[in-house]
N, C-alpha and C. Protein backbone atom coordinates (compact mmCIF):
# COMPACT_ATOMS: atom_id res chain seq x y z
N UNK A 1 95.67 107.78 86.07
CA UNK A 1 95.88 108.31 88.03
C UNK A 1 96.73 108.70 88.25
N UNK A 2 96.68 109.55 88.87
CA UNK A 2 98.10 110.84 89.35
C UNK A 2 99.10 109.79 90.44
N UNK A 3 98.47 108.42 90.81
CA UNK A 3 99.43 107.95 91.77
C UNK A 3 100.56 107.34 91.15
N UNK A 4 101.83 107.29 91.39
CA UNK A 4 103.25 106.60 90.97
C UNK A 4 102.51 104.95 91.00
N UNK A 5 103.14 104.14 89.99
CA UNK A 5 102.92 102.92 89.88
C UNK A 5 103.31 102.10 90.99
N UNK A 6 103.02 100.76 91.34
CA UNK A 6 103.74 100.10 92.98
C UNK A 6 105.04 99.99 92.26
N UNK A 7 105.20 98.95 91.22
CA UNK A 7 106.62 98.89 90.91
C UNK A 7 107.68 100.26 91.14
N UNK A 8 107.38 101.43 91.59
CA UNK A 8 108.36 102.60 92.17
C UNK A 8 108.83 102.39 93.15
N UNK A 9 108.25 101.42 93.56
CA UNK A 9 108.49 101.63 95.07
C UNK A 9 109.12 99.92 96.04
N UNK A 10 109.15 99.19 94.64
CA UNK A 10 109.94 97.70 94.86
C UNK A 10 110.85 97.70 94.19
N UNK A 11 112.00 97.41 95.25
CA UNK A 11 113.48 97.60 94.61
C UNK A 11 113.63 95.88 94.51
N UNK A 12 113.36 95.05 94.76
CA UNK A 12 113.80 93.81 94.64
C UNK A 12 112.77 93.36 94.00
N UNK A 13 113.16 91.36 93.78
CA UNK A 13 112.26 90.52 93.20
C UNK A 13 110.69 90.02 94.33
N UNK A 14 109.74 90.06 93.71
CA UNK A 14 108.34 89.77 94.04
C UNK A 14 108.00 89.06 94.23
N UNK A 15 108.25 87.95 93.56
CA UNK A 15 107.84 86.29 93.71
C UNK A 15 108.90 85.41 93.86
N UNK A 16 108.43 84.85 94.93
CA UNK A 16 109.27 83.43 95.32
C UNK A 16 109.77 82.38 94.02
N UNK A 17 110.87 81.91 95.06
CA UNK A 17 111.83 81.29 93.67
C UNK A 17 111.21 79.83 94.28
N UNK A 18 109.90 79.55 93.45
CA UNK A 18 108.95 78.33 93.19
C UNK A 18 109.65 78.02 92.39
N UNK A 19 109.66 76.93 92.24
CA UNK A 19 109.63 75.60 90.94
C UNK A 19 111.33 75.95 90.12
N UNK A 20 112.19 76.45 90.70
CA UNK A 20 113.39 76.15 90.16
C UNK A 20 114.27 75.74 91.48
N UNK A 21 115.59 75.46 90.70
CA UNK A 21 116.90 75.02 91.79
C UNK A 21 117.41 75.86 92.73
N UNK A 22 116.56 75.94 93.81
CA UNK A 22 117.12 76.71 94.98
C UNK A 22 117.35 75.88 96.44
N UNK A 23 118.15 76.89 96.85
CA UNK A 23 118.92 75.98 97.99
C UNK A 23 118.38 77.05 98.99
N UNK A 24 117.69 76.25 100.20
CA UNK A 24 117.15 76.91 101.78
C UNK A 24 117.95 78.38 101.80
N UNK A 25 119.65 78.43 101.23
CA UNK A 25 120.31 79.98 101.69
C UNK A 25 119.52 80.47 100.49
N UNK A 26 119.05 80.45 99.42
CA UNK A 26 118.40 81.33 98.34
C UNK A 26 117.06 81.43 99.05
N UNK A 27 116.27 80.59 99.50
CA UNK A 27 114.97 81.06 99.66
C UNK A 27 115.28 81.84 101.23
N UNK A 28 115.84 81.80 102.05
CA UNK A 28 116.57 82.86 103.14
C UNK A 28 116.68 83.63 102.33
N UNK A 29 117.67 84.16 101.50
CA UNK A 29 118.00 85.65 101.19
C UNK A 29 116.69 85.91 100.23
N UNK A 30 115.98 85.41 99.52
CA UNK A 30 114.62 85.87 99.29
C UNK A 30 113.43 86.44 100.36
N UNK A 31 113.35 85.60 101.29
CA UNK A 31 112.47 85.89 102.06
C UNK A 31 113.19 87.40 103.21
N UNK A 32 114.20 87.47 103.55
CA UNK A 32 115.00 88.59 104.32
C UNK A 32 114.80 89.97 102.95
N UNK A 33 115.42 89.74 102.04
CA UNK A 33 115.03 90.75 100.94
C UNK A 33 114.00 91.39 100.74
N UNK A 34 112.66 90.46 100.50
CA UNK A 34 111.20 90.91 100.23
C UNK A 34 110.39 91.26 101.41
N UNK A 35 110.55 90.96 102.51
CA UNK A 35 109.79 90.88 103.56
C UNK A 35 110.07 92.34 104.64
N UNK A 36 108.86 92.51 104.73
CA UNK A 36 108.65 94.14 105.63
C UNK A 36 107.13 93.47 106.33
N UNK A 37 107.00 94.88 106.89
CA UNK A 37 105.78 95.39 107.94
C UNK A 37 105.06 96.70 107.35
N UNK A 38 103.71 96.33 107.18
CA UNK A 38 102.67 97.99 106.78
C UNK A 38 102.30 98.11 108.23
N UNK A 39 103.08 97.87 109.28
CA UNK A 39 102.61 98.22 110.68
C UNK A 39 103.60 99.16 111.10
N UNK A 40 102.96 99.79 112.17
CA UNK A 40 103.98 100.63 113.19
C UNK A 40 104.97 99.61 113.93
N UNK A 41 105.80 99.57 113.97
CA UNK A 41 106.73 98.90 114.91
C UNK A 41 106.98 98.84 116.09
N UNK A 42 107.14 98.41 117.05
CA UNK A 42 107.24 98.74 118.57
C UNK A 42 108.41 98.88 118.49
N UNK A 43 108.78 99.55 119.96
CA UNK A 43 109.70 99.68 120.38
C UNK A 43 110.61 100.68 119.40
N UNK A 44 110.11 101.44 118.62
CA UNK A 44 110.87 102.57 117.97
C UNK A 44 111.14 103.86 118.37
N UNK A 45 110.50 104.32 119.40
CA UNK A 45 110.95 105.74 120.67
C UNK A 45 111.86 104.83 121.74
N UNK A 46 112.41 105.62 121.70
CA UNK A 46 113.13 104.67 122.74
C UNK A 46 112.80 105.89 124.29
N UNK A 47 112.07 105.53 124.95
CA UNK A 47 111.71 105.92 126.22
C UNK A 47 112.58 106.00 127.66
N UNK A 48 113.47 106.49 127.33
CA UNK A 48 114.37 107.35 128.32
C UNK A 48 115.05 108.48 128.18
N UNK A 49 116.05 108.64 129.51
CA UNK A 49 116.25 110.34 129.44
C UNK A 49 116.85 110.90 128.04
N UNK A 50 116.99 111.68 127.84
CA UNK A 50 117.92 112.60 126.51
C UNK A 50 119.07 112.50 126.35
N UNK A 51 120.13 112.11 127.78
CA UNK A 51 120.67 112.13 127.79
C UNK A 51 121.57 110.49 127.33
N UNK A 52 120.68 109.74 127.29
CA UNK A 52 120.79 108.49 127.22
C UNK A 52 120.56 107.90 125.90
N UNK A 53 120.17 109.13 124.92
CA UNK A 53 119.77 108.93 123.60
C UNK A 53 117.91 108.78 123.02
N UNK A 54 117.45 108.92 124.32
CA UNK A 54 115.83 108.75 124.28
C UNK A 54 115.00 109.76 123.49
N UNK A 55 113.98 109.35 123.22
CA UNK A 55 113.13 110.12 121.81
C UNK A 55 111.68 110.62 122.91
N UNK A 56 111.40 110.22 123.94
CA UNK A 56 110.13 110.54 124.89
C UNK A 56 110.63 110.31 126.34
N UNK A 57 110.47 111.64 126.85
CA UNK A 57 110.36 111.90 128.67
C UNK A 57 109.70 110.86 129.48
N UNK A 58 110.13 109.48 129.77
CA UNK A 58 109.64 108.30 130.37
C UNK A 58 108.15 108.98 131.77
N UNK A 59 108.55 109.90 131.97
CA UNK A 59 107.87 110.44 133.17
C UNK A 59 106.52 111.03 132.98
N UNK A 60 106.76 111.88 131.51
CA UNK A 60 105.68 112.65 130.75
C UNK A 60 104.97 112.29 129.51
N UNK A 61 105.49 111.27 128.99
CA UNK A 61 105.63 110.60 127.70
C UNK A 61 105.39 111.93 126.60
N UNK A 62 106.06 112.62 126.92
CA UNK A 62 106.30 114.28 125.89
C UNK A 62 107.66 113.90 125.19
N UNK A 63 107.10 113.94 123.59
CA UNK A 63 108.75 113.81 122.81
C UNK A 63 109.90 114.93 123.17
N UNK A 64 110.73 114.38 123.07
CA UNK A 64 111.93 115.89 123.66
C UNK A 64 111.92 116.77 122.45
N UNK A 65 111.94 118.12 122.90
CA UNK A 65 111.98 119.31 121.77
C UNK A 65 110.78 119.24 121.29
N UNK A 66 109.79 118.74 121.56
CA UNK A 66 107.98 119.23 120.89
C UNK A 66 107.52 120.10 121.99
N UNK A 67 106.57 120.69 121.48
CA UNK A 67 106.06 122.09 122.31
C UNK A 67 105.06 120.57 122.95
N UNK A 68 103.97 119.76 122.79
CA UNK A 68 103.32 119.33 123.64
C UNK A 68 102.55 118.15 122.73
N UNK A 69 103.88 117.13 122.18
CA UNK A 69 103.48 115.81 121.15
C UNK A 69 103.79 115.25 122.11
N UNK A 70 102.72 114.35 122.67
CA UNK A 70 103.23 112.69 123.56
C UNK A 70 103.15 111.89 122.88
N UNK A 71 103.68 110.54 122.92
CA UNK A 71 103.46 109.06 122.54
C UNK A 71 102.96 108.49 123.37
N UNK A 72 101.78 107.38 123.10
CA UNK A 72 101.24 106.73 124.11
C UNK A 72 100.94 105.26 123.00
N UNK A 73 101.95 104.65 122.51
CA UNK A 73 101.60 103.78 121.81
C UNK A 73 102.65 102.54 121.70
N UNK A 74 102.40 101.46 121.46
CA UNK A 74 103.97 100.39 121.28
C UNK A 74 105.44 100.92 121.00
N UNK A 75 105.41 102.01 120.46
CA UNK A 75 106.63 102.38 120.24
C UNK A 75 107.29 102.69 121.43
N UNK A 76 106.47 102.86 122.90
CA UNK A 76 107.40 102.99 123.56
C UNK A 76 108.18 101.90 124.47
N UNK A 77 107.85 100.78 124.01
CA UNK A 77 108.31 99.32 125.05
C UNK A 77 109.61 99.47 124.46
N UNK A 78 110.04 98.54 125.64
CA UNK A 78 111.86 98.75 125.56
C UNK A 78 112.51 97.93 125.17
N UNK A 79 111.94 97.19 124.14
CA UNK A 79 112.08 95.62 123.39
C UNK A 79 111.11 95.55 122.13
N UNK A 80 111.32 94.76 121.58
CA UNK A 80 110.37 94.06 120.92
C UNK A 80 109.57 92.84 121.06
N UNK A 81 108.39 92.92 121.17
CA UNK A 81 107.35 91.57 121.87
C UNK A 81 107.35 90.76 120.89
N UNK A 82 107.59 89.33 121.41
CA UNK A 82 107.02 88.11 120.58
C UNK A 82 105.73 88.11 120.94
N UNK A 83 104.69 88.27 121.78
CA UNK A 83 103.66 88.78 122.26
C UNK A 83 102.65 88.94 121.65
N UNK A 84 100.84 88.86 121.82
CA UNK A 84 100.32 90.33 121.36
C UNK A 84 100.66 91.64 122.35
N UNK A 85 100.68 92.47 121.39
CA UNK A 85 100.89 93.28 121.91
C UNK A 85 99.98 94.15 122.53
N UNK A 86 98.48 93.79 122.21
CA UNK A 86 97.15 94.81 122.47
C UNK A 86 97.00 95.33 124.19
N UNK A 87 97.31 94.55 125.00
CA UNK A 87 96.82 94.48 126.32
C UNK A 87 97.98 95.80 126.97
N UNK A 88 99.16 95.36 126.83
CA UNK A 88 99.92 96.41 127.06
C UNK A 88 100.09 98.20 126.29
N UNK A 89 99.50 98.12 125.01
CA UNK A 89 99.57 99.04 124.44
C UNK A 89 98.27 100.11 125.66
N UNK A 90 97.23 99.38 125.50
CA UNK A 90 96.32 99.90 126.07
C UNK A 90 96.62 99.96 128.11
N UNK A 91 97.49 99.74 128.15
CA UNK A 91 98.24 100.16 129.46
C UNK A 91 98.68 101.55 129.07
N UNK A 92 99.80 101.37 128.18
CA UNK A 92 100.06 102.75 127.98
C UNK A 92 99.28 104.04 127.91
N UNK A 93 98.21 103.75 126.61
CA UNK A 93 97.61 104.82 126.50
C UNK A 93 96.26 105.11 127.84
N UNK A 94 96.16 104.59 129.07
CA UNK A 94 95.56 104.52 129.94
C UNK A 94 96.96 105.56 131.32
N UNK A 95 97.59 105.13 130.83
CA UNK A 95 99.12 106.15 131.77
C UNK A 95 99.07 107.61 130.98
N UNK A 96 98.57 107.53 129.94
CA UNK A 96 98.83 108.75 129.08
C UNK A 96 97.84 109.82 129.35
N UNK A 97 96.73 109.10 129.37
CA UNK A 97 95.38 109.75 129.81
C UNK A 97 95.51 110.76 130.90
N UNK A 98 96.12 109.50 131.71
CA UNK A 98 95.97 109.96 133.20
C UNK A 98 97.01 111.32 133.60
N UNK A 99 98.03 110.83 132.57
CA UNK A 99 99.13 112.41 132.81
C UNK A 99 98.47 113.47 131.98
N UNK A 100 97.78 112.88 131.17
CA UNK A 100 97.36 114.57 130.50
C UNK A 100 95.67 114.87 131.46
N UNK A 101 94.94 114.13 131.83
CA UNK A 101 93.82 115.00 132.45
C UNK A 101 94.57 115.15 134.04
N UNK A 102 95.50 114.59 134.48
CA UNK A 102 96.62 115.56 135.77
C UNK A 102 97.20 116.83 135.19
N UNK A 103 97.56 116.93 133.80
CA UNK A 103 97.61 118.40 133.80
C UNK A 103 99.58 118.15 133.59
N UNK A 104 99.86 117.04 133.51
CA UNK A 104 101.59 116.81 133.43
C UNK A 104 101.84 117.07 132.23
């Protein structure tokens, strides 16, 4: 295969510390060092004025400095959410569609 082996992308231990004399701290360290997400995280594109470090204009959903790129997903949320983000993401998308249709 022309693809690099997966081991090239894994930097830490991949098996849990089972059947070893491990403390809770050892287990916590393993979890923190080996856990990640495969999904696009929420709250990763600040929807704020550019002067406050924003990435996306909150009134148009355009990415600052781009010709015509908008963000219409969960990355706009101001904080990470502990609930299911499906419904709020649909609301953001519908607002974005409304902006596009109105020519904003």
